[in-house]
Amino acid sequence: MGNTIVTFGEVIMRLSPQGNRVMKQSHEMEFFFGGTELNVASSLATMGCSVRYVSSVSEDFVGESAVSFIKSFGIDTQFITQNEHPLGLYFLEAGSSVRAGRIAYNRLNGSFANIQPGDVDWKKALKGCRYFHWTGISPGISEAAYETLKEGLKTAQEMGIYITTDPAYRSNLWKYGKRGEEILKELVSYSTLFIGGVNEINEILGTQFSSDKKGFIEACKELKQQIPSIQKVFDKIRIGITASTQQTQGRALVRDNYFETELLEVSPVIDRIGTGDAFAAGLIYGLMNFDDEKALKFANAACAIKHTIPGDINYCSAEDILELMNGSSGGRIKR
């Protein structure tokens, strides 16, 4: 087993009016490349990890630009294929104070939705891999993406690779006739580490656990009973005071041992997009370098600090995150 982290998912372009404007009042938009799994990969690469990304992009200058962007992080892109379909898009109106943000997606017929299982040589893509990370967004985009991911998970399991999942359920996906809850439960059964909380467990298992501490512990135990491959559960809690003020906290259940972090408050929030991905990346980095409790603290600090970075990706170094984790939140200028 090596030290490379492999992620699989869509590269998606985000278009957003500048300056917290709404679309109706704007004639210009800025764009960022992102995507849940790419956000995790880019954050890990920024922290100095060896990362490989598996995806499919459009066979045009937009797709070429996306791959060039990914390469700029030092990420291995040799397993990114191209096809004739356009790159997926989403539009964001950023919220502010009491006004919530809004998102509209255009991705269900994009290049990643048209990836095919035979496009990826998973044994080669997973060579030297220590962690394989996936989320519930990818199998919801298309049946082909689901089948491609399933092949990757089977291969990773056979190779003894740690498989981490953030099984996010997005009801606006899953348009190809499969029930998301059933597919996610099937795919989670290949995984070893669950990044999610009571809501995700309830969606996958069809249960109704409460979101308090007792409910979280009961939900985690039920998840491990029904899906024995899951060894650890890590959860991110985000408390929205307003769109501009957020609090973050982490909690976990590992071998029936419950622990949680302190609350971190961020105000003003610059950008909420990608904060959960920053948590996942921070957790994987933490597990590779620290014990479970310190890994959770590092993940929570990574989540909090991402709220201060525009765009989808957390550009902060491991040193920046460690400073926040260790109590340096005053924002003094570094000279």
Protein backbone atom coordinates (compact mmCIF):
# COMPACT_ATOMS: atom_id res chain seq x y z
CA MET A 1 0.00 0.00 0.00
CA GLY A 2 1.41 3.39 -1.01
CA ASN A 3 0.64 6.91 0.15
CA THR A 4 -1.33 8.21 -2.84
CA ILE A 5 -4.94 9.36 -2.41
CA VAL A 6 -7.27 8.69 -5.35
CA THR A 7 -10.58 10.48 -5.81
CA PHE A 8 -13.25 9.91 -8.45
CA GLY A 9 -15.85 12.48 -9.50
CA GLU A 10 -17.00 15.24 -11.78
CA VAL A 11 -15.10 18.36 -12.77
CA ILE A 12 -17.74 21.07 -12.83
CA MET A 13 -17.53 24.76 -13.68
CA ARG A 14 -19.09 27.25 -11.27
CA LEU A 15 -20.43 30.54 -12.65
CA SER A 16 -21.32 33.28 -10.21
CA PRO A 17 -22.13 37.03 -10.29
CA GLN A 18 -19.48 39.07 -8.54
CA GLY A 19 -19.92 41.03 -5.33
CA ASN A 20 -22.89 39.11 -3.88
CA ARG A 21 -25.11 40.28 -6.73
CA VAL A 22 -28.11 38.29 -7.92
CA MET A 23 -28.27 37.18 -11.55
CA LYS A 24 -30.97 39.71 -12.42
CA GLN A 25 -28.68 42.65 -11.69
CA SER A 26 -25.45 41.29 -13.16
CA HIS A 27 -24.05 41.14 -16.70
CA GLU A 28 -20.75 39.54 -15.75
CA MET A 29 -19.86 36.31 -13.97
CA GLU A 30 -16.63 34.83 -12.65
CA PHE A 31 -15.93 31.13 -12.97
CA PHE A 32 -14.17 28.50 -10.88
CA PHE A 33 -13.45 24.85 -11.60
CA GLY A 34 -14.54 22.56 -8.79
CA GLY A 35 -16.61 19.53 -7.96
CA THR A 36 -16.89 17.76 -4.62
CA GLU A 37 -14.21 15.13 -5.14
CA LEU A 38 -11.94 17.57 -7.00
CA ASN A 39 -12.20 19.97 -4.07
CA VAL A 40 -11.00 17.18 -1.77
CA ALA A 41 -8.17 16.26 -4.14
CA SER A 42 -6.99 19.86 -4.59
CA SER A 43 -7.04 20.55 -0.86
CA LEU A 44 -5.01 17.41 -0.15
CA ALA A 45 -2.51 18.32 -2.86
CA THR A 46 -2.19 21.83 -1.39
CA MET A 47 -1.33 20.19 1.93
CA GLY A 48 1.48 18.26 0.24
CA CYS A 49 -0.17 14.88 -0.39
CA SER A 50 0.29 12.69 -3.46
CA VAL A 51 -3.09 12.77 -5.23
CA ARG A 52 -4.55 11.17 -8.37
CA TYR A 53 -7.88 12.23 -9.91
CA VAL A 54 -10.14 10.02 -12.03
CA SER A 55 -12.82 11.70 -14.14
CA SER A 56 -13.99 12.58 -17.65
CA VAL A 57 -14.09 16.07 -19.16
CA SER A 58 -15.19 17.65 -22.43
CA GLU A 59 -13.03 17.17 -25.51
CA ASP A 60 -12.59 20.90 -26.15
CA PHE A 61 -10.69 23.90 -24.83
CA VAL A 62 -12.93 24.03 -21.74
CA GLY A 63 -12.01 20.47 -20.79
CA GLU A 64 -8.36 21.18 -21.57
CA SER A 65 -8.50 24.24 -19.30
CA ALA A 66 -10.02 22.14 -16.52
CA VAL A 67 -7.25 19.54 -16.78
CA SER A 68 -4.61 22.29 -16.84
CA PHE A 69 -6.15 23.73 -13.67
CA ILE A 70 -6.03 20.34 -11.95
CA LYS A 71 -2.42 19.81 -13.00
CA SER A 72 -1.50 23.16 -11.43
CA PHE A 73 -1.96 21.53 -8.00
CA GLY A 74 0.46 18.74 -8.88
CA ILE A 75 -2.40 16.23 -9.15
CA ASP A 76 -1.88 13.18 -11.37
CA THR A 77 -4.37 13.54 -14.25
CA GLN A 78 -3.41 10.55 -16.42
CA PHE A 79 -6.73 8.84 -15.68
CA ILE A 80 -8.93 11.77 -16.75
CA THR A 81 -10.56 10.84 -20.07
CA GLN A 82 -12.32 13.11 -22.59
CA ASN A 83 -15.53 12.77 -24.56
CA GLU A 84 -17.69 14.83 -26.90
CA HIS A 85 -20.16 16.01 -24.22
CA PRO A 86 -19.87 19.46 -22.59
CA LEU A 87 -18.39 20.06 -19.16
CA GLY A 88 -21.02 20.25 -16.38
CA LEU A 89 -21.96 23.67 -15.03
CA TYR A 90 -23.62 25.19 -12.02
CA PHE A 91 -24.71 28.73 -11.27
CA LEU A 92 -24.41 30.24 -7.81
CA GLU A 93 -25.99 33.33 -6.30
CA ALA A 94 -23.99 33.78 -3.11
CA GLY A 95 -26.07 34.58 -0.03
CA SER A 96 -25.35 37.32 2.46
CA SER A 97 -26.60 37.96 5.99
CA VAL A 98 -30.31 37.01 6.03
CA ARG A 99 -30.46 36.22 2.26
CA ALA A 100 -29.79 32.57 1.44
CA GLY A 101 -27.61 31.50 -1.46
CA ARG A 102 -29.12 29.71 -4.49
CA ILE A 103 -27.72 27.10 -6.89
CA ALA A 104 -28.91 25.83 -10.28
CA TYR A 105 -27.18 22.81 -11.89
CA ASN A 106 -26.62 21.85 -15.53
CA ARG A 107 -24.75 18.54 -15.26
CA LEU A 108 -26.96 15.54 -16.02
CA ASN A 109 -25.91 15.33 -19.71
CA GLY A 110 -22.33 16.48 -19.28
CA SER A 111 -19.01 14.78 -19.96
CA PHE A 112 -18.81 13.06 -16.58
CA ALA A 113 -22.38 11.76 -16.87
CA ASN A 114 -21.22 10.02 -20.04
CA ILE A 115 -18.15 8.31 -18.58
CA GLN A 116 -18.18 4.57 -19.30
CA PRO A 117 -17.03 1.72 -16.99
CA GLY A 118 -14.49 0.55 -19.58
CA ASP A 119 -12.85 3.98 -19.68
CA VAL A 120 -10.92 3.43 -16.43
CA ASP A 121 -8.25 0.79 -15.80
CA TRP A 122 -8.87 0.70 -12.07
CA LYS A 123 -5.95 -1.56 -11.19
CA LYS A 124 -3.57 0.97 -12.73
CA ALA A 125 -5.50 3.97 -11.38
CA LEU A 126 -5.34 2.58 -7.83
CA LYS A 127 -1.70 1.46 -7.93
CA GLY A 128 0.15 2.81 -4.89
CA CYS A 129 -3.13 4.07 -3.41
CA ARG A 130 -3.65 4.30 0.34
CA TYR A 131 -7.07 6.03 0.40
CA PHE A 132 -9.81 5.99 -2.24
CA HIS A 133 -12.41 8.71 -1.67
CA TRP A 134 -15.87 8.92 -3.24
CA THR A 135 -19.13 10.76 -2.56
CA GLY A 136 -22.82 10.11 -3.12
CA ILE A 137 -22.97 12.77 -5.82
CA SER A 138 -21.11 10.76 -8.47
CA PRO A 139 -23.44 7.72 -8.64
CA GLY A 140 -26.44 10.06 -8.72
CA ILE A 141 -25.37 11.78 -11.94
CA SER A 142 -25.83 8.81 -14.27
CA GLU A 143 -26.02 5.03 -14.35
CA ALA A 144 -22.72 4.94 -16.24
CA ALA A 145 -21.02 6.95 -13.48
CA TYR A 146 -22.52 4.59 -10.90
CA GLU A 147 -21.25 1.50 -12.73
CA THR A 148 -17.80 3.05 -13.19
CA LEU A 149 -17.57 3.91 -9.49
CA LYS A 150 -18.78 0.44 -8.47
CA GLU A 151 -15.97 -1.16 -10.50
CA GLY A 152 -13.48 1.13 -8.77
CA LEU A 153 -14.81 0.27 -5.32
CA LYS A 154 -14.68 -3.47 -6.00
CA THR A 155 -11.10 -3.16 -7.17
CA ALA A 156 -10.08 -1.00 -4.20
CA GLN A 157 -11.64 -3.47 -1.78
CA GLU A 158 -9.78 -6.38 -3.41
CA MET A 159 -6.52 -4.38 -3.14
CA GLY A 160 -7.05 -3.70 0.59
CA ILE A 161 -7.28 0.07 0.16
CA TYR A 162 -8.98 2.28 2.76
CA ILE A 163 -12.20 3.55 1.19
CA THR A 164 -13.66 6.80 2.52
CA THR A 165 -17.14 7.97 1.63
CA ASP A 166 -19.18 11.12 2.02
CA PRO A 167 -22.50 9.59 0.88
CA ALA A 168 -24.24 12.89 0.25
CA TYR A 169 -27.76 12.32 -1.09
CA ARG A 170 -28.94 14.94 -3.59
CA SER A 171 -32.59 14.47 -4.47
CA ASN A 172 -32.27 16.69 -7.57
CA LEU A 173 -30.00 14.02 -9.09
CA TRP A 174 -30.99 10.35 -9.54
CA LYS A 175 -32.98 10.84 -12.75
CA TYR A 176 -32.11 7.50 -14.38
CA GLY A 177 -34.57 5.21 -12.61
CA LYS A 178 -32.52 4.01 -9.62
CA ARG A 179 -33.38 4.72 -5.98
CA GLY A 180 -30.57 6.73 -4.51
CA GLU A 181 -30.96 5.30 -1.02
CA GLU A 182 -30.56 1.72 -2.25
CA ILE A 183 -27.56 2.47 -4.45
CA LEU A 184 -25.80 4.45 -1.73
CA LYS A 185 -26.31 1.65 0.80
CA GLU A 186 -24.85 -0.82 -1.71
CA LEU A 187 -21.79 1.36 -2.40
CA VAL A 188 -21.23 2.26 1.25
CA SER A 189 -20.93 -1.49 1.90
CA TYR A 190 -17.57 -1.39 0.09
CA SER A 191 -16.31 1.46 2.27
CA THR A 192 -14.37 1.48 5.53
CA LEU A 193 -14.77 5.07 6.74
CA PHE A 194 -18.05 7.02 6.76
CA ILE A 195 -17.98 10.83 6.63
CA GLY A 196 -21.50 11.89 7.52
CA GLY A 197 -24.02 12.19 10.29
CA VAL A 198 -27.52 11.27 11.33
CA ASN A 199 -29.20 12.71 8.23
CA GLU A 200 -27.04 10.63 5.90
CA ILE A 201 -27.50 7.48 7.98
CA ASN A 202 -31.28 7.97 8.13
CA GLU A 203 -31.42 8.45 4.34
CA ILE A 204 -29.40 5.32 3.62
CA LEU A 205 -30.96 3.02 6.23
CA GLY A 206 -34.51 4.44 6.23
CA THR A 207 -34.25 5.09 9.97
CA GLN A 208 -35.38 8.07 12.07
CA PHE A 209 -32.63 8.70 14.61
CA SER A 210 -32.51 12.11 16.26
CA SER A 211 -29.59 14.46 15.59
CA ASP A 212 -28.54 14.90 19.23
CA LYS A 213 -25.55 13.11 20.75
CA LYS A 214 -27.55 10.05 21.81
CA GLY A 215 -29.21 9.78 18.41
CA PHE A 216 -25.85 10.11 16.64
CA ILE A 217 -24.32 7.30 18.70
CA GLU A 218 -27.35 5.04 18.14
CA ALA A 219 -27.32 5.82 14.40
CA CYS A 220 -23.61 5.01 14.11
CA LYS A 221 -24.07 1.69 15.90
CA GLU A 222 -26.97 0.76 13.64
CA LEU A 223 -24.92 1.71 10.56
CA LYS A 224 -22.03 -0.50 11.69
CA GLN A 225 -24.43 -3.36 12.44
CA GLN A 226 -26.05 -3.20 9.00
CA ILE A 227 -22.82 -2.39 7.13
CA PRO A 228 -19.99 -4.14 9.05
CA SER A 229 -17.26 -2.85 6.70
CA ILE A 230 -17.62 0.63 8.26
CA GLN A 231 -14.94 0.99 10.94
CA LYS A 232 -15.21 4.68 11.81
CA VAL A 233 -17.82 7.46 11.51
CA PHE A 234 -16.87 11.14 11.40
CA ASP A 235 -19.47 13.89 11.26
CA LYS A 236 -19.33 17.61 10.46
CA ILE A 237 -21.86 19.85 12.20
CA ARG A 238 -22.44 23.30 10.74
CA ILE A 239 -24.67 25.76 12.59
CA GLY A 240 -25.92 28.64 10.48
CA ILE A 241 -26.48 31.77 12.52
CA THR A 242 -26.96 33.76 9.30
CA ALA A 243 -25.57 33.29 5.77
CA SER A 244 -22.63 35.42 6.95
CA THR A 245 -21.99 33.74 10.33
CA GLN A 246 -21.39 30.02 10.72
CA GLN A 247 -20.21 27.71 13.49
CA THR A 248 -18.54 24.37 12.81
CA GLN A 249 -17.95 21.33 14.99
CA GLY A 250 -16.82 17.74 14.46
CA ARG A 251 -17.92 14.55 16.23
CA ALA A 252 -17.08 10.89 15.76
CA LEU A 253 -17.70 7.35 16.89
CA VAL A 254 -14.69 5.03 16.68
CA ARG A 255 -14.89 1.56 18.26
CA ASP A 256 -17.84 2.74 20.42
CA ASN A 257 -15.73 5.68 21.63
CA TYR A 258 -17.50 9.03 21.15
CA PHE A 259 -15.56 12.29 20.93
CA GLU A 260 -16.19 15.79 19.61
CA THR A 261 -14.36 19.05 18.95
CA GLU A 262 -14.94 22.56 20.23
CA LEU A 263 -17.11 24.95 18.22
CA LEU A 264 -15.33 27.27 15.80
CA GLU A 265 -17.14 30.42 14.65
CA VAL A 266 -16.55 32.14 11.31
CA SER A 267 -17.79 35.68 10.71
CA PRO A 268 -18.03 37.04 8.12
CA VAL A 269 -18.34 34.03 5.84
CA ILE A 270 -16.73 34.63 2.44
CA ASP A 271 -17.82 31.41 0.71
CA ARG A 272 -19.67 28.35 2.05
CA ILE A 273 -19.16 26.19 -1.05
CA GLY A 274 -16.66 23.38 -0.53
CA THR A 275 -16.54 23.55 3.26
CA GLY A 276 -17.68 19.95 3.65
CA ASP A 277 -15.06 18.91 1.11
CA ALA A 278 -12.43 20.79 3.13
CA PHE A 279 -13.57 18.77 6.17
CA ALA A 280 -13.18 15.49 4.26
CA ALA A 281 -9.74 16.45 2.96
CA GLY A 282 -8.66 17.58 6.42
CA LEU A 283 -9.88 14.30 7.89
CA ILE A 284 -7.99 12.15 5.38
CA TYR A 285 -4.83 14.22 5.90
CA GLY A 286 -5.33 13.99 9.66
CA LEU A 287 -5.78 10.22 9.64
CA MET A 288 -2.56 9.86 7.64
CA ASN A 289 -0.61 11.97 10.15
CA PHE A 290 -2.37 12.00 13.57
CA ASP A 291 -4.56 9.91 15.86
CA ASP A 292 -8.34 9.88 15.36
CA GLU A 293 -9.16 12.69 17.79
CA LYS A 294 -6.52 15.05 16.44
CA ALA A 295 -7.57 14.15 12.90
CA LEU A 296 -11.13 15.25 13.73
CA LYS A 297 -9.88 18.55 15.19
CA PHE A 298 -7.78 19.14 12.08
CA ALA A 299 -10.78 18.40 9.83
CA ASN A 300 -12.98 20.85 11.75
CA ALA A 301 -10.33 23.57 11.51
CA ALA A 302 -10.01 22.91 7.75
CA CYS A 303 -13.78 23.23 7.38
CA ALA A 304 -13.86 26.49 9.33
CA ILE A 305 -10.97 28.12 7.49
CA LYS A 306 -12.46 27.25 4.06
CA HIS A 307 -15.36 29.61 4.87
CA THR A 308 -12.83 32.46 4.41
CA ILE A 309 -11.63 31.40 0.91
CA PRO A 310 -13.53 32.38 -2.29
CA GLY A 311 -14.25 29.56 -4.74
CA ASP A 312 -14.80 25.85 -4.27
CA ILE A 313 -11.33 24.83 -3.05
CA ASN A 314 -9.51 25.23 0.26
CA TYR A 315 -6.13 26.76 -0.64
CA CYS A 316 -4.84 26.77 2.95
CA SER A 317 -1.72 24.79 3.84
CA ALA A 318 -1.54 22.20 6.59
CA GLU A 319 0.42 24.74 8.65
CA ASP A 320 -2.40 27.32 8.32
CA ILE A 321 -4.95 24.76 9.47
CA LEU A 322 -2.77 23.58 12.36
CA GLU A 323 -2.45 27.17 13.60
CA LEU A 324 -6.22 27.55 13.72
CA MET A 325 -6.61 24.12 15.32
CA ASN A 326 -4.15 25.12 18.02
CA GLY A 327 -6.08 28.29 18.89
CA SER A 328 -4.58 30.98 16.64
CA SER A 329 -7.78 32.60 15.35
CA GLY A 330 -6.98 36.28 15.86
CA GLY A 331 -6.15 36.95 12.24
CA ARG A 332 -2.88 38.79 12.91
CA ILE A 333 -0.86 39.68 9.81
CA LYS A 334 2.10 37.36 9.25
CA ARG A 335 5.23 39.39 8.48
